[in-house]
Every structure is written in structure tokens, then in C-alpha cells.
């Protein structure tokens, strides 16, 4: 084939496209870089300079204040446990409900789907939900942070639509070979659904990692607080006139309030950013599948 020449319009479109995406990427990244820089800045620099990406005076005061107690490391372990276990619970219930609903021959399928859509529009509210969790004996337990939101109606519908796209001949062949319904789901459907499962696993994991309001409502034991709640307590302590509540080192000089806030944002964001590269290829494909449906 001969050499292909691009038209002037195509070249101009590429220049505009790359310029727009580059500016958009900078607008997205620069605020986070500022937060990182501010978390290492000193009190005087945060007061005098409205914006900077490289601090002139390097200071670890914010991180020293946050990590002055082992409590944060314990809460980090709690957050990891809640995120992993909660995501597994989410995927288990979502998949096991989406798979039968993908079968058009299922009796009562339309009624169940209508109820699912209804749950997307109406909810019981905070107080009825609290009373239900209390009556089930789940207060002050990790179950209160995982079971109430075990299934997202939107995610369920998207996964169900993906299951409907799979060639029915694959499942029929598996049944001829002696597979049960569980065997078909485990051996045929799930291996073909890795992109969409990885995508919604990331959605569920980010939701669990960032969640703190449910822990404030249902968890009274500080030993069971996730990291988000503990970081909130640290920020509240840094705003108060008393630099110690019995949890932090009383001999430590209280750092500037803004530095602590920025350091908290960095600590809460970095772990989930480290997970994203491992799911990126599945994430891109899974989002495309959901957008097509």
C-alpha cells in the first residue's frame, strides 16, 4: 500500500484533540499536585503563597501529627478489610442475582426487575435503615458496613445486560457436557465477564474505601473505625484548641490546620490510586461495554 497523507482538516483535528486532552489532564492533575505539595509545606508558606507545586520549605509536620499514634495504622487495616470483604460480598450477591435475571425464561423476571428499578428511585431513609440494622443485631459490627449495600441496582442491571450478550451456545455446550447451572456460571460465564467484573469491583471498592458516614452511624467502638473516620477525627482535633485527646502525643506541637487537611487527602487517596493500574485494562473495556448497553 502507498503512503497515506492526512488532510489539513484531519491534522487540525488531531492538534485540537491533543491540546484539549492535555489541558484537561492538567486541570485534573494540578489540584492534586498542589495538595501533595501543600501537605509538605510549612505554616508560613501556606499563608504567604496562594498556589505552588514545589514547597520552598520542606516540612513533615502534618504527617508527623497524623502518624504520631499507631491508631491510624490499625484503622488502615480495618479499611483494607472492609474494602476487600465488602467488595467480595458485593460481587457475590450482584453476580448471583444478575445471572438468573439474564434468563428471559425466568418466572417473575419482569416483576423483580421492576422492583429493582423502584429501589433506584425510592429508599427507606436513614432512620428506618438504622432501625432495621439495630433489630438485626448488626450495630457495632462490620456487617453493618457491608450487607446493607450489598447490591447496587444500577451495577446489577449493567451486569445483567452483559450476561445477556454472551452467546447462548456456550452455555448449552457446557450443559451437554454435564455442567450444572453453578458450573456454567463458574466455568463459562465468569471467565468471560472479567472486564465488567473488574470494573464494578473497582466501583464497589472505591465506595467502601471512601465511606465514613455509615461507620459514624453504626460503629461506636473506636477499634472498629475505618481510616476515613479516624482521619476525620484527626482533622477535628487539629481544628480544636487542644492538640491532644488522649490519642495523639501530648508533647507534639500542633501543625497548621490546612497542612493536616492536605495530608489527610493524600493518605486517603494514594492507596486506591495504587490499585487502579492493575485494573486499568479491564476497566476501560468494562466501561465501554456498559456505555454501549
C-alpha atoms as a PDB file:
ATOM      1  CA  UNK A   1       0.000   0.000   0.000  1.00  0.00           C
ATOM      2  CA  UNK A   2       1.149   3.509  -0.798  1.00  0.00           C
ATOM      3  CA  UNK A   3       1.870   6.135   1.776  1.00  0.00           C
ATOM      4  CA  UNK A   4      -1.278   7.722   3.183  1.00  0.00           C
ATOM      5  CA  UNK A   5      -1.411  11.510   3.524  1.00  0.00           C
ATOM      6  CA  UNK A   6      -3.600  13.185   6.097  1.00  0.00           C
ATOM      7  CA  UNK A   7      -5.805  16.091   5.116  1.00  0.00           C
ATOM      8  CA  UNK A   8      -5.427  19.531   6.641  1.00  0.00           C
ATOM      9  CA  UNK A   9      -8.727  19.094   8.464  1.00  0.00           C
ATOM     10  CA  UNK A  10      -7.615  15.785   9.981  1.00  0.00           C
ATOM     11  CA  UNK A  11      -4.314  17.285  11.125  1.00  0.00           C
ATOM     12  CA  UNK A  12      -6.038  20.295  12.680  1.00  0.00           C
ATOM     13  CA  UNK A  13      -8.488  17.982  14.454  1.00  0.00           C
ATOM     14  CA  UNK A  14      -5.616  15.934  15.909  1.00  0.00           C
ATOM     15  CA  UNK A  15      -3.864  19.107  17.125  1.00  0.00           C
ATOM     16  CA  UNK A  16      -7.055  20.377  18.737  1.00  0.00           C
ATOM     17  CA  UNK A  17      -7.827  16.967  20.238  1.00  0.00           C
ATOM     18  CA  UNK A  18      -4.384  16.502  21.805  1.00  0.00           C
ATOM     19  CA  UNK A  19      -4.326  20.106  23.050  1.00  0.00           C
ATOM     20  CA  UNK A  20      -7.768  19.821  24.631  1.00  0.00           C
ATOM     21  CA  UNK A  21      -6.996  16.479  26.279  1.00  0.00           C
ATOM     22  CA  UNK A  22      -3.640  17.780  27.522  1.00  0.00           C
ATOM     23  CA  UNK A  23      -5.221  20.870  29.084  1.00  0.00           C
ATOM     24  CA  UNK A  24      -8.000  18.759  30.588  1.00  0.00           C
ATOM     25  CA  UNK A  25      -5.422  16.360  32.080  1.00  0.00           C
ATOM     26  CA  UNK A  26      -3.509  19.284  33.602  1.00  0.00           C
ATOM     27  CA  UNK A  27      -6.696  20.749  35.076  1.00  0.00           C
ATOM     28  CA  UNK A  28      -7.365  17.351  36.669  1.00  0.00           C
ATOM     29  CA  UNK A  29      -3.856  16.638  37.947  1.00  0.00           C
ATOM     30  CA  UNK A  30      -2.631  20.077  39.059  1.00  0.00           C
ATOM     31  CA  UNK A  31      -5.045  20.427  42.038  1.00  0.00           C
ATOM     32  CA  UNK A  32      -3.906  17.077  43.401  1.00  0.00           C
ATOM     33  CA  UNK A  33      -0.240  18.042  42.909  1.00  0.00           C
ATOM     34  CA  UNK A  34      -0.967  21.235  44.837  1.00  0.00           C
ATOM     35  CA  UNK A  35      -2.483  19.201  47.674  1.00  0.00           C
ATOM     36  CA  UNK A  36       0.610  16.974  47.777  1.00  0.00           C
ATOM     37  CA  UNK A  37       2.908  19.993  47.802  1.00  0.00           C
ATOM     38  CA  UNK A  38       0.817  21.709  50.470  1.00  0.00           C
ATOM     39  CA  UNK A  39       0.982  18.646  52.696  1.00  0.00           C
ATOM     40  CA  UNK A  40       4.790  19.062  52.800  1.00  0.00           C
ATOM     41  CA  UNK A  41       4.758  22.852  53.187  1.00  0.00           C
ATOM     42  CA  UNK A  42       5.263  24.949  56.276  1.00  0.00           C
ATOM     43  CA  UNK A  43       2.747  27.146  58.023  1.00  0.00           C
ATOM     44  CA  UNK A  44       4.325  30.364  56.762  1.00  0.00           C
ATOM     45  CA  UNK A  45       4.411  29.216  53.151  1.00  0.00           C
ATOM     46  CA  UNK A  46       0.765  28.172  53.127  1.00  0.00           C
ATOM     47  CA  UNK A  47      -0.125  31.591  54.469  1.00  0.00           C
ATOM     48  CA  UNK A  48       2.030  33.630  52.097  1.00  0.00           C
ATOM     49  CA  UNK A  49       1.672  31.702  48.831  1.00  0.00           C
ATOM     50  CA  UNK A  50      -1.780  31.135  47.339  1.00  0.00           C
ATOM     51  CA  UNK A  51      -0.601  28.433  44.924  1.00  0.00           C
ATOM     52  CA  UNK A  52       2.577  26.407  44.429  1.00  0.00           C
ATOM     53  CA  UNK A  53       3.624  22.990  43.183  1.00  0.00           C
ATOM     54  CA  UNK A  54       7.012  22.803  44.925  1.00  0.00           C
ATOM     55  CA  UNK A  55       7.266  23.952  48.550  1.00  0.00           C
ATOM     56  CA  UNK A  56      10.228  26.197  49.308  1.00  0.00           C
ATOM     57  CA  UNK A  57      10.409  24.886  52.876  1.00  0.00           C
ATOM     58  CA  UNK A  58      10.016  21.143  53.231  1.00  0.00           C
ATOM     59  CA  UNK A  59       8.066  20.122  56.335  1.00  0.00           C
ATOM     60  CA  UNK A  60       6.728  16.779  57.568  1.00  0.00           C
ATOM     61  CA  UNK A  61       4.744  18.331  60.423  1.00  0.00           C
ATOM     62  CA  UNK A  62       1.359  17.297  59.017  1.00  0.00           C
ATOM     63  CA  UNK A  63       2.352  13.654  58.547  1.00  0.00           C
ATOM     64  CA  UNK A  64       4.112  13.556  61.916  1.00  0.00           C
ATOM     65  CA  UNK A  65       0.913  14.759  63.543  1.00  0.00           C
ATOM     66  CA  UNK A  66      -1.188  12.156  61.731  1.00  0.00           C
ATOM     67  CA  UNK A  67       1.189   9.241  62.323  1.00  0.00           C
ATOM     68  CA  UNK A  68       2.039  10.191  65.903  1.00  0.00           C
ATOM     69  CA  UNK A  69      -0.171   7.310  67.051  1.00  0.00           C
ATOM     70  CA  UNK A  70      -0.458   3.662  65.986  1.00  0.00           C
ATOM     71  CA  UNK A  71      -4.226   4.093  65.861  1.00  0.00           C
ATOM     72  CA  UNK A  72      -4.112   5.206  62.231  1.00  0.00           C
ATOM     73  CA  UNK A  73      -2.286   2.036  61.160  1.00  0.00           C
ATOM     74  CA  UNK A  74      -4.931  -0.048  62.900  1.00  0.00           C
ATOM     75  CA  UNK A  75      -7.706   1.872  61.177  1.00  0.00           C
ATOM     76  CA  UNK A  76      -5.885   1.395  57.867  1.00  0.00           C
ATOM     77  CA  UNK A  77      -6.060  -2.363  58.383  1.00  0.00           C
ATOM     78  CA  UNK A  78      -9.760  -2.044  59.201  1.00  0.00           C
ATOM     79  CA  UNK A  79     -10.349  -0.093  55.978  1.00  0.00           C
ATOM     80  CA  UNK A  80      -8.500  -2.688  53.914  1.00  0.00           C
ATOM     81  CA  UNK A  81     -10.534  -5.484  55.500  1.00  0.00           C
ATOM     82  CA  UNK A  82     -13.839  -3.661  54.933  1.00  0.00           C
ATOM     83  CA  UNK A  83     -12.911  -2.806  51.339  1.00  0.00           C
ATOM     84  CA  UNK A  84     -11.834  -6.329  50.387  1.00  0.00           C
ATOM     85  CA  UNK A  85     -14.595  -8.198  52.217  1.00  0.00           C
ATOM     86  CA  UNK A  86     -17.260  -5.680  51.213  1.00  0.00           C
ATOM     87  CA  UNK A  87     -16.257  -5.839  47.547  1.00  0.00           C
ATOM     88  CA  UNK A  88     -16.384  -9.641  47.595  1.00  0.00           C
ATOM     89  CA  UNK A  89     -19.830  -9.523  49.196  1.00  0.00           C
ATOM     90  CA  UNK A  90     -20.982  -7.001  46.583  1.00  0.00           C
ATOM     91  CA  UNK A  91     -19.730  -9.067  43.656  1.00  0.00           C
ATOM     92  CA  UNK A  92     -21.130 -12.317  45.047  1.00  0.00           C
ATOM     93  CA  UNK A  93     -24.660 -11.032  45.551  1.00  0.00           C
ATOM     94  CA  UNK A  94     -24.669  -8.910  42.392  1.00  0.00           C
ATOM     95  CA  UNK A  95     -23.485 -11.751  40.157  1.00  0.00           C
ATOM     96  CA  UNK A  96     -25.720 -14.395  41.695  1.00  0.00           C
ATOM     97  CA  UNK A  97     -28.736 -12.133  41.237  1.00  0.00           C
ATOM     98  CA  UNK A  98     -27.813 -10.810  37.783  1.00  0.00           C
ATOM     99  CA  UNK A  99     -27.198 -14.268  36.294  1.00  0.00           C
ATOM    100  CA  UNK A 100     -30.721 -15.679  36.766  1.00  0.00           C
ATOM    101  CA  UNK A 101     -32.290 -12.338  35.809  1.00  0.00           C
ATOM    102  CA  UNK A 102     -30.419 -12.543  32.496  1.00  0.00           C
ATOM    103  CA  UNK A 103     -32.567 -15.590  31.615  1.00  0.00           C
ATOM    104  CA  UNK A 104     -35.692 -14.408  29.816  1.00  0.00           C
ATOM    105  CA  UNK A 105     -37.437 -17.647  30.710  1.00  0.00           C
ATOM    106  CA  UNK A 106     -37.195 -16.944  34.453  1.00  0.00           C
ATOM    107  CA  UNK A 107     -40.638 -16.841  36.054  1.00  0.00           C
ATOM    108  CA  UNK A 108     -41.413 -13.456  37.630  1.00  0.00           C
ATOM    109  CA  UNK A 109     -38.408 -11.822  35.978  1.00  0.00           C
ATOM    110  CA  UNK A 110     -40.250  -8.640  34.989  1.00  0.00           C
ATOM    111  CA  UNK A 111     -41.649  -8.176  38.486  1.00  0.00           C
ATOM    112  CA  UNK A 112     -38.220  -8.496  40.086  1.00  0.00           C
ATOM    113  CA  UNK A 113     -36.672  -6.077  37.582  1.00  0.00           C
ATOM    114  CA  UNK A 114     -39.418  -3.556  38.272  1.00  0.00           C
ATOM    115  CA  UNK A 115     -38.757  -3.828  41.998  1.00  0.00           C
ATOM    116  CA  UNK A 116     -35.040  -3.260  41.356  1.00  0.00           C
ATOM    117  CA  UNK A 117     -35.757  -0.133  39.328  1.00  0.00           C
ATOM    118  CA  UNK A 118     -38.162   1.015  42.070  1.00  0.00           C
ATOM    119  CA  UNK A 119     -35.340   0.744  44.623  1.00  0.00           C
ATOM    120  CA  UNK A 120     -33.255   3.112  42.478  1.00  0.00           C
ATOM    121  CA  UNK A 121     -35.902   5.824  42.831  1.00  0.00           C
ATOM    122  CA  UNK A 122     -37.139   5.355  46.399  1.00  0.00           C
ATOM    123  CA  UNK A 123     -35.405   4.409  49.641  1.00  0.00           C
ATOM    124  CA  UNK A 124     -36.417   3.866  53.230  1.00  0.00           C
ATOM    125  CA  UNK A 125     -34.274   6.684  54.599  1.00  0.00           C
ATOM    126  CA  UNK A 126     -31.622   6.895  57.284  1.00  0.00           C
ATOM    127  CA  UNK A 127     -33.759   6.285  60.390  1.00  0.00           C
ATOM    128  CA  UNK A 128     -35.674   3.206  59.099  1.00  0.00           C
ATOM    129  CA  UNK A 129     -32.385   1.741  57.850  1.00  0.00           C
ATOM    130  CA  UNK A 130     -30.799   2.299  61.252  1.00  0.00           C
ATOM    131  CA  UNK A 131     -33.730   0.612  62.989  1.00  0.00           C
ATOM    132  CA  UNK A 132     -33.506  -2.382  60.651  1.00  0.00           C
ATOM    133  CA  UNK A 133     -29.770  -2.777  61.265  1.00  0.00           C
ATOM    134  CA  UNK A 134     -30.327  -2.439  65.019  1.00  0.00           C
ATOM    135  CA  UNK A 135     -33.116  -5.038  65.014  1.00  0.00           C
ATOM    136  CA  UNK A 136     -30.852  -7.466  63.144  1.00  0.00           C
ATOM    137  CA  UNK A 137     -28.127  -7.050  65.764  1.00  0.00           C
ATOM    138  CA  UNK A 138     -25.568  -5.649  63.345  1.00  0.00           C
ATOM    139  CA  UNK A 139     -24.728  -2.470  65.254  1.00  0.00           C
ATOM    140  CA  UNK A 140     -21.039  -2.146  66.115  1.00  0.00           C
ATOM    141  CA  UNK A 141     -20.130  -4.900  63.630  1.00  0.00           C
ATOM    142  CA  UNK A 142     -18.537  -4.910  60.207  1.00  0.00           C
ATOM    143  CA  UNK A 143     -21.684  -6.499  58.761  1.00  0.00           C
ATOM    144  CA  UNK A 144     -23.403  -3.131  59.135  1.00  0.00           C
ATOM    145  CA  UNK A 145     -20.888  -1.678  56.646  1.00  0.00           C
ATOM    146  CA  UNK A 146     -21.145  -4.429  54.029  1.00  0.00           C
ATOM    147  CA  UNK A 147     -24.563  -6.113  53.983  1.00  0.00           C
ATOM    148  CA  UNK A 148     -26.951  -3.100  53.763  1.00  0.00           C
ATOM    149  CA  UNK A 149     -25.420  -2.013  50.447  1.00  0.00           C
ATOM    150  CA  UNK A 150     -24.582  -5.470  49.164  1.00  0.00           C
ATOM    151  CA  UNK A 151     -26.189  -4.837  45.760  1.00  0.00           C
ATOM    152  CA  UNK A 152     -26.187  -1.676  43.684  1.00  0.00           C
ATOM    153  CA  UNK A 153     -29.267  -1.649  41.467  1.00  0.00           C
ATOM    154  CA  UNK A 154     -27.503   0.186  38.651  1.00  0.00           C
ATOM    155  CA  UNK A 155     -24.493  -2.163  38.689  1.00  0.00           C
ATOM    156  CA  UNK A 156     -26.836  -5.148  38.801  1.00  0.00           C
ATOM    157  CA  UNK A 157     -28.683  -4.022  35.673  1.00  0.00           C
ATOM    158  CA  UNK A 158     -25.474  -3.399  33.721  1.00  0.00           C
ATOM    159  CA  UNK A 159     -24.019  -6.797  34.664  1.00  0.00           C
ATOM    160  CA  UNK A 160     -27.323  -8.472  33.798  1.00  0.00           C
ATOM    161  CA  UNK A 161     -27.251  -6.829  30.369  1.00  0.00           C
ATOM    162  CA  UNK A 162     -23.698  -8.051  29.873  1.00  0.00           C
ATOM    163  CA  UNK A 163     -24.693 -11.622  30.730  1.00  0.00           C
ATOM    164  CA  UNK A 164     -27.476 -11.381  28.143  1.00  0.00           C
ATOM    165  CA  UNK A 165     -24.883 -10.617  25.446  1.00  0.00           C
ATOM    166  CA  UNK A 166     -22.982 -13.853  25.975  1.00  0.00           C
ATOM    167  CA  UNK A 167     -23.583 -16.446  23.224  1.00  0.00           C
ATOM    168  CA  UNK A 168     -26.204 -18.940  24.461  1.00  0.00           C
ATOM    169  CA  UNK A 169     -24.426 -21.714  22.569  1.00  0.00           C
ATOM    170  CA  UNK A 170     -21.557 -21.688  25.081  1.00  0.00           C
ATOM    171  CA  UNK A 171     -23.891 -22.378  27.973  1.00  0.00           C
ATOM    172  CA  UNK A 172     -25.769 -25.043  26.043  1.00  0.00           C
ATOM    173  CA  UNK A 173     -22.491 -26.804  25.194  1.00  0.00           C
ATOM    174  CA  UNK A 174     -21.481 -26.754  28.851  1.00  0.00           C
ATOM    175  CA  UNK A 175     -24.808 -28.249  29.899  1.00  0.00           C
ATOM    176  CA  UNK A 176     -24.428 -31.010  27.301  1.00  0.00           C
ATOM    177  CA  UNK A 177     -21.037 -31.779  28.860  1.00  0.00           C
ATOM    178  CA  UNK A 178     -22.751 -32.194  32.232  1.00  0.00           C
ATOM    179  CA  UNK A 179     -22.292 -28.777  33.856  1.00  0.00           C
ATOM    180  CA  UNK A 180     -24.849 -27.621  36.369  1.00  0.00           C
ATOM    181  CA  UNK A 181     -26.084 -24.030  36.464  1.00  0.00           C
ATOM    182  CA  UNK A 182     -23.436 -23.197  39.072  1.00  0.00           C
ATOM    183  CA  UNK A 183     -20.812 -24.897  36.908  1.00  0.00           C
ATOM    184  CA  UNK A 184     -21.893 -22.878  33.874  1.00  0.00           C
ATOM    185  CA  UNK A 185     -21.671 -19.665  35.895  1.00  0.00           C
ATOM    186  CA  UNK A 186     -18.273 -20.530  37.376  1.00  0.00           C
ATOM    187  CA  UNK A 187     -16.593 -22.121  34.352  1.00  0.00           C
ATOM    188  CA  UNK A 188     -18.135 -20.265  31.410  1.00  0.00           C
ATOM    189  CA  UNK A 189     -19.831 -17.002  32.381  1.00  0.00           C
ATOM    190  CA  UNK A 190     -17.416 -15.576  34.960  1.00  0.00           C
ATOM    191  CA  UNK A 191     -14.204 -16.114  32.910  1.00  0.00           C
ATOM    192  CA  UNK A 192     -15.862 -14.289  30.004  1.00  0.00           C
ATOM    193  CA  UNK A 193     -17.004 -11.475  32.302  1.00  0.00           C
ATOM    194  CA  UNK A 194     -13.648 -10.388  33.723  1.00  0.00           C
ATOM    195  CA  UNK A 195     -13.734  -6.865  32.209  1.00  0.00           C
ATOM    196  CA  UNK A 196     -17.151  -5.939  33.578  1.00  0.00           C
ATOM    197  CA  UNK A 197     -16.483  -7.633  36.937  1.00  0.00           C
ATOM    198  CA  UNK A 198     -13.162  -5.803  37.320  1.00  0.00           C
ATOM    199  CA  UNK A 199     -14.867  -2.518  36.503  1.00  0.00           C
ATOM    200  CA  UNK A 200     -17.594  -2.854  39.092  1.00  0.00           C
ATOM    201  CA  UNK A 201     -15.208  -4.356  41.616  1.00  0.00           C
ATOM    202  CA  UNK A 202     -13.292  -1.077  41.359  1.00  0.00           C
ATOM    203  CA  UNK A 203     -16.516   0.923  41.753  1.00  0.00           C
ATOM    204  CA  UNK A 204     -17.515  -1.074  44.821  1.00  0.00           C
ATOM    205  CA  UNK A 205     -14.010  -0.896  46.317  1.00  0.00           C
ATOM    206  CA  UNK A 206     -13.785   2.882  45.921  1.00  0.00           C
ATOM    207  CA  UNK A 207     -17.205   3.228  47.542  1.00  0.00           C
ATOM    208  CA  UNK A 208     -16.149   1.149  50.560  1.00  0.00           C
ATOM    209  CA  UNK A 209     -12.796   2.911  50.850  1.00  0.00           C
ATOM    210  CA  UNK A 210     -14.311   6.406  50.837  1.00  0.00           C
ATOM    211  CA  UNK A 211     -17.321   5.579  53.010  1.00  0.00           C
ATOM    212  CA  UNK A 212     -17.331   7.026  56.507  1.00  0.00           C
ATOM    213  CA  UNK A 213     -20.924   8.103  57.226  1.00  0.00           C
ATOM    214  CA  UNK A 214     -22.158   4.539  57.734  1.00  0.00           C
ATOM    215  CA  UNK A 215     -19.351   3.917  60.219  1.00  0.00           C
ATOM    216  CA  UNK A 216     -20.304   7.063  62.115  1.00  0.00           C
ATOM    217  CA  UNK A 217     -23.891   5.804  62.365  1.00  0.00           C
ATOM    218  CA  UNK A 218     -23.376   2.136  63.137  1.00  0.00           C
ATOM    219  CA  UNK A 219     -19.908   1.784  64.744  1.00  0.00           C
ATOM    220  CA  UNK A 220     -19.363   3.010  68.304  1.00  0.00           C
ATOM    221  CA  UNK A 221     -16.160   1.086  69.082  1.00  0.00           C
ATOM    222  CA  UNK A 222     -13.103   3.197  68.045  1.00  0.00           C
ATOM    223  CA  UNK A 223     -11.188  -0.048  67.464  1.00  0.00           C
ATOM    224  CA  UNK A 224     -13.528  -0.762  64.534  1.00  0.00           C
ATOM    225  CA  UNK A 225     -13.356   2.673  62.940  1.00  0.00           C
ATOM    226  CA  UNK A 226     -12.118   2.653  59.328  1.00  0.00           C
ATOM    227  CA  UNK A 227      -9.391   5.024  58.237  1.00  0.00           C
ATOM    228  CA  UNK A 228     -11.786   7.632  56.849  1.00  0.00           C
ATOM    229  CA  UNK A 229     -13.442   8.077  60.244  1.00  0.00           C
ATOM    230  CA  UNK A 230     -10.088   8.182  62.013  1.00  0.00           C
ATOM    231  CA  UNK A 231      -8.788  10.807  59.589  1.00  0.00           C
ATOM    232  CA  UNK A 232     -11.935  12.842  60.213  1.00  0.00           C
ATOM    233  CA  UNK A 233     -11.242  12.688  63.946  1.00  0.00           C
ATOM    234  CA  UNK A 234      -7.658  13.811  63.351  1.00  0.00           C
ATOM    235  CA  UNK A 235      -8.824  16.789  61.292  1.00  0.00           C
ATOM    236  CA  UNK A 236     -11.300  17.739  64.024  1.00  0.00           C
ATOM    237  CA  UNK A 237      -8.526  17.526  66.621  1.00  0.00           C
ATOM    238  CA  UNK A 238      -6.253  19.723  64.522  1.00  0.00           C
ATOM    239  CA  UNK A 239      -9.007  22.353  64.342  1.00  0.00           C
ATOM    240  CA  UNK A 240      -9.539  22.409  68.091  1.00  0.00           C
ATOM    241  CA  UNK A 241      -7.512  24.468  70.502  1.00  0.00           C
ATOM    242  CA  UNK A 242      -6.427  21.312  72.309  1.00  0.00           C
ATOM    243  CA  UNK A 243      -3.794  19.408  70.388  1.00  0.00           C
ATOM    244  CA  UNK A 244      -4.355  16.120  72.154  1.00  0.00           C
ATOM    245  CA  UNK A 245      -7.386  13.989  73.008  1.00  0.00           C
ATOM    246  CA  UNK A 246      -5.515  11.118  74.607  1.00  0.00           C
ATOM    247  CA  UNK A 247      -4.945   9.524  71.206  1.00  0.00           C
ATOM    248  CA  UNK A 248      -2.045  11.679  69.981  1.00  0.00           C
ATOM    249  CA  UNK A 249       1.300  12.558  71.536  1.00  0.00           C
ATOM    250  CA  UNK A 250       0.711  15.401  74.043  1.00  0.00           C
ATOM    251  CA  UNK A 251       4.294  16.666  73.556  1.00  0.00           C
ATOM    252  CA  UNK A 252       3.809  17.145  69.843  1.00  0.00           C
ATOM    253  CA  UNK A 253       3.385  20.719  68.605  1.00  0.00           C
ATOM    254  CA  UNK A 254       0.137  21.077  66.713  1.00  0.00           C
ATOM    255  CA  UNK A 255       0.783  21.679  62.990  1.00  0.00           C
ATOM    256  CA  UNK A 256      -1.189  24.115  60.826  1.00  0.00           C
ATOM    257  CA  UNK A 257      -4.758  23.067  60.216  1.00  0.00           C
ATOM    258  CA  UNK A 258      -4.529  23.300  56.407  1.00  0.00           C
ATOM    259  CA  UNK A 259      -1.423  21.098  56.269  1.00  0.00           C
ATOM    260  CA  UNK A 260      -3.201  18.357  58.188  1.00  0.00           C
ATOM    261  CA  UNK A 261      -6.190  18.517  55.831  1.00  0.00           C
ATOM    262  CA  UNK A 262      -3.966  18.164  52.765  1.00  0.00           C
ATOM    263  CA  UNK A 263      -2.003  15.315  54.303  1.00  0.00           C
ATOM    264  CA  UNK A 264      -5.266  13.548  55.114  1.00  0.00           C
ATOM    265  CA  UNK A 265      -6.400  13.857  51.474  1.00  0.00           C
ATOM    266  CA  UNK A 266      -3.099  12.371  50.266  1.00  0.00           C
ATOM    267  CA  UNK A 267      -3.232   9.453  52.697  1.00  0.00           C
ATOM    268  CA  UNK A 268      -6.844   8.678  51.808  1.00  0.00           C
ATOM    269  CA  UNK A 269      -6.265   8.862  48.045  1.00  0.00           C
ATOM    270  CA  UNK A 270      -2.900   7.197  47.419  1.00  0.00           C
ATOM    271  CA  UNK A 271      -3.893   3.583  48.315  1.00  0.00           C
ATOM    272  CA  UNK A 272      -6.830   3.453  45.904  1.00  0.00           C
ATOM    273  CA  UNK A 273      -4.698   5.048  43.166  1.00  0.00           C
ATOM    274  CA  UNK A 274      -2.168   2.230  43.600  1.00  0.00           C
ATOM    275  CA  UNK A 275      -4.867  -0.343  42.847  1.00  0.00           C
ATOM    276  CA  UNK A 276      -6.158   1.318  39.684  1.00  0.00           C
ATOM    277  CA  UNK A 277      -3.203   0.442  37.334  1.00  0.00           C
ATOM    278  CA  UNK A 278      -3.788  -3.279  37.906  1.00  0.00           C
ATOM    279  CA  UNK A 279      -7.419  -2.965  36.774  1.00  0.00           C
ATOM    280  CA  UNK A 280      -6.947  -0.328  34.074  1.00  0.00           C
ATOM    281  CA  UNK A 281      -7.166  -2.576  31.017  1.00  0.00           C
ATOM    282  CA  UNK A 282     -10.274  -4.330  32.329  1.00  0.00           C
ATOM    283  CA  UNK A 283     -11.728  -1.021  33.499  1.00  0.00           C
ATOM    284  CA  UNK A 284     -11.552   0.618  30.052  1.00  0.00           C
ATOM    285  CA  UNK A 285     -13.184  -2.354  28.352  1.00  0.00           C
ATOM    286  CA  UNK A 286     -15.843  -2.737  31.036  1.00  0.00           C
ATOM    287  CA  UNK A 287     -16.869   0.920  30.884  1.00  0.00           C
ATOM    288  CA  UNK A 288     -17.183   0.667  27.105  1.00  0.00           C
ATOM    289  CA  UNK A 289     -19.459  -2.363  27.467  1.00  0.00           C
ATOM    290  CA  UNK A 290     -21.668  -0.566  29.956  1.00  0.00           C
ATOM    291  CA  UNK A 291     -21.903   2.557  27.791  1.00  0.00           C
ATOM    292  CA  UNK A 292     -22.928   0.551  24.729  1.00  0.00           C
ATOM    293  CA  UNK A 293     -25.768  -1.143  26.602  1.00  0.00           C
END
